[in-house]
Protein backbone atom coordinates (compact mmCIF):
# COMPACT_ATOMS: atom_id res chain seq x y z
CA UNK A 1 1.66 -9.19 -14.09
CA UNK A 2 2.06 -13.12 -14.09
CA UNK A 3 1.63 -15.38 -10.57
CA UNK A 4 3.29 -18.56 -9.85
CA UNK A 5 3.99 -20.65 -12.91
CA UNK A 6 2.26 -19.29 -15.90
CA UNK A 7 3.09 -19.48 -19.36
CA UNK A 8 3.15 -15.69 -19.62
CA UNK A 9 6.26 -15.90 -16.98
CA UNK A 10 8.66 -16.10 -20.45
CA UNK A 11 8.44 -12.29 -20.94
CA UNK A 12 9.62 -11.62 -17.70
CA UNK A 13 12.98 -14.11 -17.76
CA UNK A 14 16.45 -12.56 -18.40
CA UNK A 15 16.11 -9.59 -16.25
CA UNK A 16 17.05 -7.85 -13.06
CA UNK A 17 14.31 -8.79 -10.02
CA UNK A 18 13.53 -6.85 -7.15
CA UNK A 19 12.25 -9.03 -4.09
CA UNK A 20 9.99 -8.42 -1.21
CA UNK A 21 6.23 -8.73 -0.03
CA UNK A 22 6.24 -4.21 -0.78
CA UNK A 23 3.56 -3.34 1.65
CA UNK A 24 3.15 -0.33 0.93
CA UNK A 25 5.34 0.45 -1.63
CA UNK A 26 7.12 3.38 0.54
CA UNK A 27 10.54 5.05 -0.11
CA UNK A 28 12.48 1.80 1.12
CA UNK A 29 10.87 -0.15 -1.14
CA UNK A 30 11.67 2.33 -4.20
CA UNK A 31 15.38 2.42 -3.25
CA UNK A 32 15.83 -1.81 -4.19
CA UNK A 33 12.88 -1.41 -7.17
CA UNK A 34 15.50 1.58 -8.25
CA UNK A 35 18.86 -0.36 -7.93
CA UNK A 36 16.76 -3.38 -10.02
CA UNK A 37 15.71 -0.89 -12.63
CA UNK A 38 18.97 0.40 -13.01
CA UNK A 39 20.85 -2.80 -13.10
CA UNK A 40 18.55 -4.00 -15.62
CA UNK A 41 19.26 -1.06 -18.02
CA UNK A 42 22.61 -2.06 -17.72
CA UNK A 43 22.02 -5.59 -18.46
CA UNK A 44 19.65 -5.40 -21.16
CA UNK A 45 16.51 -7.03 -19.50
CA UNK A 46 13.04 -6.53 -17.67
CA UNK A 47 13.07 -5.08 -14.40
CA UNK A 48 10.97 -7.49 -12.41
CA UNK A 49 9.30 -7.09 -8.58
CA UNK A 50 8.93 -10.21 -7.26
CA UNK A 51 6.31 -10.20 -4.48
CA UNK A 52 4.32 -12.66 -2.22
CA UNK A 53 0.63 -13.39 -1.61
CA UNK A 54 -1.22 -13.25 1.01
CA UNK A 55 1.41 -11.56 2.72
CA UNK A 56 3.47 -14.32 4.42
CA UNK A 57 2.62 -13.34 8.01
CA UNK A 58 -0.74 -14.18 7.30
CA UNK A 59 -0.14 -17.38 6.10
CA UNK A 60 2.81 -17.89 9.05
CA UNK A 61 0.83 -16.70 11.88
CA UNK A 62 -2.94 -16.76 10.76
CA UNK A 63 -4.45 -15.66 13.96
CA UNK A 64 -2.21 -12.45 14.05
CA UNK A 65 -3.89 -9.34 13.16
CA UNK A 66 -2.00 -7.36 10.35
CA UNK A 67 -2.78 -3.65 9.46
CA UNK A 68 -1.61 -4.07 5.37
CA UNK A 69 -1.12 -1.05 3.78
CA UNK A 70 -1.54 -1.73 0.57
CA UNK A 71 -3.72 -5.09 -0.32
CA UNK A 72 -2.26 -6.62 -3.29
CA UNK A 73 -4.47 -4.78 -6.20
CA UNK A 74 -3.07 -1.48 -4.49
CA UNK A 75 0.47 -3.00 -4.19
CA UNK A 76 0.99 -4.09 -7.62
CA UNK A 77 -0.36 -0.13 -9.16
CA UNK A 78 2.15 1.20 -7.07
CA UNK A 79 4.91 -0.93 -8.25
CA UNK A 80 3.25 -0.35 -11.81
CA UNK A 81 3.56 2.87 -11.99
CA UNK A 82 7.66 2.79 -9.95
CA UNK A 83 8.98 2.16 -13.73
CA UNK A 84 9.29 -1.82 -13.33
CA UNK A 85 8.88 -4.32 -16.50
CA UNK A 86 6.76 -6.43 -14.78
CA UNK A 87 5.80 -8.56 -11.91
CA UNK A 88 5.36 -11.85 -10.89
CA UNK A 89 3.20 -12.67 -7.75
CA UNK A 90 3.72 -15.60 -5.87
CA UNK A 91 1.32 -17.81 -4.10
CA UNK A 92 2.58 -18.34 -0.26
CA UNK A 93 1.07 -21.14 0.47
CA UNK A 94 2.92 -24.49 2.71
CA UNK A 95 4.75 -25.61 -0.77
CA UNK A 96 6.37 -22.09 -0.95
CA UNK A 97 7.32 -21.47 2.75
CA UNK A 98 8.69 -25.40 3.01
CA UNK A 99 11.07 -24.69 0.48
CA UNK A 100 14.63 -24.62 1.80
CA UNK A 101 16.80 -21.27 0.92
CA UNK A 102 18.87 -23.13 -1.74
CA UNK A 103 15.61 -24.24 -3.30
CA UNK A 104 14.17 -20.97 -3.26
CA UNK A 105 17.17 -19.53 -5.58
CA UNK A 106 17.71 -22.75 -7.63
CA UNK A 107 14.17 -22.85 -8.74
CA UNK A 108 12.76 -19.95 -8.65
CA UNK A 109 15.02 -17.43 -9.26
CA UNK A 110 17.59 -19.59 -11.38
CA UNK A 111 15.14 -22.16 -12.88
CA UNK A 112 11.71 -19.93 -13.32
CA UNK A 113 13.24 -16.61 -14.17
CA UNK A 114 16.97 -16.93 -15.01
CA UNK A 115 18.08 -13.86 -13.17
CA UNK A 116 20.65 -11.79 -14.16
CA UNK A 117 20.86 -9.70 -11.25
CA UNK A 118 18.71 -9.58 -7.97
CA UNK A 119 18.00 -6.20 -5.67
CA UNK A 120 16.81 -7.07 -1.98
CA UNK A 121 16.74 -4.99 1.23
CA UNK A 122 19.38 -5.89 3.93
CA UNK A 123 16.64 -7.64 6.17
CA UNK A 124 15.10 -9.83 3.27
CA UNK A 125 15.03 -13.51 4.33
CA UNK A 126 13.48 -16.07 2.75
CA UNK A 127 13.58 -19.85 2.65
CA UNK A 128 11.90 -22.34 4.61
CA UNK A 129 12.17 -20.96 8.42
CA UNK A 130 13.46 -17.48 6.69
CA UNK A 131 17.19 -19.38 7.36
CA UNK A 132 17.94 -17.38 4.28
CA UNK A 133 19.81 -14.62 4.70
CA UNK A 134 20.98 -11.88 1.93
CA UNK A 135 24.65 -12.70 2.77
CA UNK A 136 23.64 -16.08 1.95
CA UNK A 137 22.06 -14.79 -1.93
CA UNK A 138 24.85 -12.97 -2.76
CA UNK A 139 27.50 -15.61 -2.18
CA UNK A 140 24.97 -18.17 -4.47
CA UNK A 141 24.80 -15.38 -6.82
CA UNK A 142 28.15 -15.24 -7.34
CA UNK A 143 28.64 -18.94 -7.55
CA UNK A 144 25.66 -19.17 -10.04
CA UNK A 145 26.58 -15.64 -12.16
CA UNK A 146 23.93 -13.55 -11.13
CA UNK A 147 24.77 -10.33 -9.05
CA UNK A 148 23.07 -9.44 -5.98
CA UNK A 149 22.47 -6.11 -4.51
CA UNK A 150 21.75 -5.43 -0.70
CA UNK A 151 20.37 -2.16 -0.17
CA UNK A 152 20.79 -0.44 3.39
CA UNK A 153 18.14 0.66 5.58
CA UNK A 154 16.74 3.77 4.64
CA UNK A 155 16.19 6.74 7.32
CA UNK A 156 14.41 9.74 7.61
CA UNK A 157 15.42 12.16 10.14
CA UNK A 158 16.16 9.69 12.06
CA UNK A 159 12.88 8.12 11.66
CA UNK A 160 13.38 4.17 9.74
CA UNK A 161 11.22 4.31 6.58
CA UNK A 162 9.65 0.89 7.11
CA UNK A 163 6.02 -0.29 7.15
CA UNK A 164 5.98 -0.96 10.79
CA UNK A 165 6.99 2.84 11.02
CA UNK A 166 4.58 3.64 8.56
CA UNK A 167 1.89 1.48 10.58
CA UNK A 168 2.51 3.37 13.73
CA UNK A 169 2.29 6.91 12.33
CA UNK A 170 -1.30 5.85 11.16
CA UNK A 171 -2.37 4.34 14.00
CA UNK A 172 -1.42 8.08 15.95
CA UNK A 173 -3.27 9.75 13.13
CA UNK A 174 -0.27 11.06 11.83
CA UNK A 175 -0.56 10.79 8.09
CA UNK A 176 1.70 13.88 7.31
CA UNK A 177 4.42 11.51 8.70
CA UNK A 178 3.49 8.24 7.01
CA UNK A 179 3.72 10.38 4.07
CA UNK A 180 6.49 11.52 4.47
CA UNK A 181 8.03 8.10 4.64
CA UNK A 182 6.22 6.29 2.09
CA UNK A 183 6.99 9.32 -0.43
CA UNK A 184 2.97 9.93 -1.45
CA UNK A 185 -0.14 10.05 0.96
CA UNK A 186 -1.44 6.87 2.00
CA UNK A 187 -4.32 6.08 0.48
CA UNK A 188 -7.10 3.73 0.59
CA UNK A 189 -9.27 2.00 -2.51
CA UNK A 190 -12.93 0.57 -2.04
CA UNK A 191 -16.32 0.06 -3.67
CA UNK A 192 -18.84 2.62 -2.24
CA UNK A 193 -21.54 1.18 -0.55
CA UNK A 194 -25.12 2.97 0.54
CA UNK A 195 -25.33 4.20 4.06
CA UNK A 196 -28.34 5.75 5.57
CA UNK A 197 -28.28 8.60 3.99
CA UNK A 198 -27.66 9.92 7.29
CA UNK A 199 -25.21 12.72 5.89
CA UNK A 200 -27.57 14.38 3.55
CA UNK A 201 -29.88 15.24 6.47
CA UNK A 202 -26.82 16.88 8.06
CA UNK A 203 -25.70 18.57 4.84
CA UNK A 204 -22.94 16.29 4.28
CA UNK A 205 -23.51 13.71 2.14
CA UNK A 206 -20.97 10.84 2.20
CA UNK A 207 -19.23 8.10 0.08
CA UNK A 208 -19.00 5.40 2.18
CA UNK A 209 -16.40 2.45 2.21
CA UNK A 210 -15.81 -0.65 4.65
CA UNK A 211 -12.14 -0.85 4.91
CA UNK A 212 -10.29 -3.94 6.12
CA UNK A 213 -11.25 -5.18 9.43
CA UNK A 214 -7.54 -4.93 10.58
CA UNK A 215 -7.18 -1.29 8.96
CA UNK A 216 -5.13 0.28 11.94
CA UNK A 217 -5.63 3.86 10.99
CA UNK A 218 -6.93 6.17 13.86
CA UNK A 219 -10.53 6.74 14.32
CA UNK A 220 -10.87 10.40 13.58
CA UNK A 221 -11.53 13.25 11.41
CA UNK A 222 -9.38 13.73 7.88
CA UNK A 223 -8.80 15.80 4.79
CA UNK A 224 -8.79 13.86 1.86
CA UNK A 225 -8.69 14.01 -1.94
CA UNK A 226 -10.17 11.15 -3.95
CA UNK A 227 -10.22 9.87 -7.17
CA UNK A 228 -13.52 8.44 -8.38
CA UNK A 229 -14.64 8.23 -12.21
CA UNK A 230 -11.69 9.64 -13.31
CA UNK A 231 -12.01 13.08 -11.52
CA UNK A 232 -9.49 13.88 -8.41
CA UNK A 233 -11.43 16.05 -5.56
CA UNK A 234 -10.87 17.07 -2.47
CA UNK A 235 -12.89 16.68 0.77
CA UNK A 236 -13.31 15.90 4.21
CA UNK A 237 -13.61 12.00 5.92
CA UNK A 238 -14.52 10.49 9.03
CA UNK A 239 -13.33 7.01 10.02
CA UNK A 240 -14.91 5.44 12.94
CA UNK A 241 -17.76 4.14 14.59
CA UNK A 242 -20.07 7.04 14.79
CA UNK A 243 -20.31 7.39 18.54
CA UNK A 244 -22.88 10.38 18.22
CA UNK A 245 -25.21 7.74 16.43
CA UNK A 246 -25.24 3.94 16.72
CA UNK A 247 -21.19 3.57 17.38
CA UNK A 248 -21.48 0.59 15.20
CA UNK A 249 -19.10 -0.91 12.85
CA UNK A 250 -16.01 1.12 11.59
CA UNK A 251 -16.61 3.10 8.23
CA UNK A 252 -15.10 5.29 6.37
CA UNK A 253 -17.19 8.01 5.51
CA UNK A 254 -16.08 10.65 3.03
CA UNK A 255 -17.85 14.14 1.98
CA UNK A 256 -16.50 14.98 -1.76
CA UNK A 257 -16.94 19.08 -1.84
CA UNK A 258 -18.37 20.67 -4.40
CA UNK A 259 -20.25 17.35 -5.59
CA UNK A 260 -23.83 16.22 -6.05
CA UNK A 261 -24.68 12.82 -7.26
CA UNK A 262 -25.05 9.19 -6.88
CA UNK A 263 -22.20 6.96 -6.54
CA UNK A 264 -22.63 3.71 -5.39
CA UNK A 265 -21.12 0.72 -6.68
CA UNK A 266 -18.11 3.13 -7.71
CA UNK A 267 -14.46 2.65 -7.01
CA UNK A 268 -13.00 4.92 -5.34
CA UNK A 269 -9.40 6.04 -4.04
CA UNK A 270 -9.15 8.43 -0.83
CA UNK A 271 -5.85 9.61 0.27
CA UNK A 272 -5.44 11.03 3.75
CA UNK A 273 -3.38 14.00 3.66
CA UNK A 274 -4.44 15.55 7.09
CA UNK A 275 -5.16 15.07 10.41
CA UNK A 276 -8.38 17.19 11.86
CA UNK A 277 -9.31 15.89 15.26
CA UNK A 278 -10.38 12.86 16.98
CA UNK A 279 -14.18 11.52 16.29
CA UNK A 280 -16.14 12.23 19.39
CA UNK A 281 -19.68 12.13 20.92
CA UNK A 282 -22.35 14.96 20.43
CA UNK A 283 -25.75 15.66 22.78
CA UNK A 284 -27.13 17.64 19.96
CA UNK A 285 -27.04 17.55 16.30
CA UNK A 286 -26.70 21.32 16.04
CA UNK A 287 -23.62 20.93 18.00
CA UNK A 288 -22.86 18.46 15.34
CA UNK A 289 -23.29 20.04 12.54
CA UNK A 290 -21.26 23.13 13.73
CA UNK A 291 -18.51 21.21 14.42
CA UNK A 292 -18.63 19.86 11.09
CA UNK A 293 -18.78 23.18 9.29
CA UNK A 294 -15.43 24.09 10.75
CA UNK A 295 -14.10 20.34 10.37
CA UNK A 296 -14.70 21.06 6.23
CA UNK A 297 -12.97 24.50 6.64
CA UNK A 298 -10.17 22.96 8.42
CA UNK A 299 -10.04 20.06 5.67
CA UNK A 300 -10.19 22.59 2.93
CA UNK A 301 -7.01 25.03 4.07
CA UNK A 302 -5.08 21.99 4.26
CA UNK A 303 -5.58 20.73 1.27
CA UNK A 304 -4.73 24.22 -0.36
CA UNK A 305 -1.55 24.21 0.64
CA UNK A 306 -0.91 20.69 -0.31
CA UNK A 307 -1.04 21.21 -4.35
CA UNK A 308 -2.38 18.52 -6.29
CA UNK A 309 -0.77 15.79 -4.19
CA UNK A 310 -2.28 12.18 -5.28
CA UNK A 311 -0.27 9.01 -4.96
CA UNK A 312 0.99 7.61 -8.24
CA UNK A 313 -0.55 4.86 -9.58
CA UNK A 314 0.18 2.21 -12.71
CA UNK A 315 -1.45 -0.74 -14.31
CA UNK A 316 0.41 -3.83 -15.15
CA UNK A 317 -0.76 -5.95 -18.13
CA UNK A 318 -1.96 -9.74 -16.62
CA UNK A 319 -0.29 -12.45 -18.21
């Protein structure tokens, strides 16, 4: 993985580039990536992802909330597992936002990457004020000597496969639908933080994570599968404000089945495989515990039907 104009970019030159924000690295994105990898094999160069950080929308509209499906590190882990040889991350700042469509092509695609080919989605726009269109890129590619493949929109049973559709599904708690659109379960990554140990007293100790404040996942109880310390374990999780206790800031609390031990400070991936119910306020602790017992039972049933499903993850060597 290379950033901006690092000298390590030499290893990515002369290849075929898949360009996009790739938030979620969903099935639509992977059609673009697959097109780039196919052409790279034909032409004998590396297959490379070209992506942008921060997300352009966050830079261009900083006051507008953005529910990112994947943070930068997670996006790169998914890209690394998709068959690409490397990735170039461009810092999306004032200088890049001001670059004309023509200069984006000549300075970055040709000058910096010496591309032999490019793959993009039908709706990819670039350059100042997003004036660069797929058609213009194809025409410039023909003039400058590289092929451009424009991938059409992808649908799943009439649903558009897009980051927006996935965000909407997650906002409604429809994690199975989100997984169908992504191609694997949606997941989050974080560092386990200390909690108030209330779960221990209830018989359900939890690993706690603070998610991005702009995370739009519906508050509720989910069947989850988590990877921590290299092991994958089933569990049940609550994401929300804990209305029975403090109604505080949103927190993800993950109870791992058949596990005991301390995990504070560990990195964890948590994949959401099933919706159980909305969060609720209970008048009695006994009622809450009874409901948690039922939640755990339902989560085990859900997870037993999913096999060993877990998101594919890889790692790029950073240059």
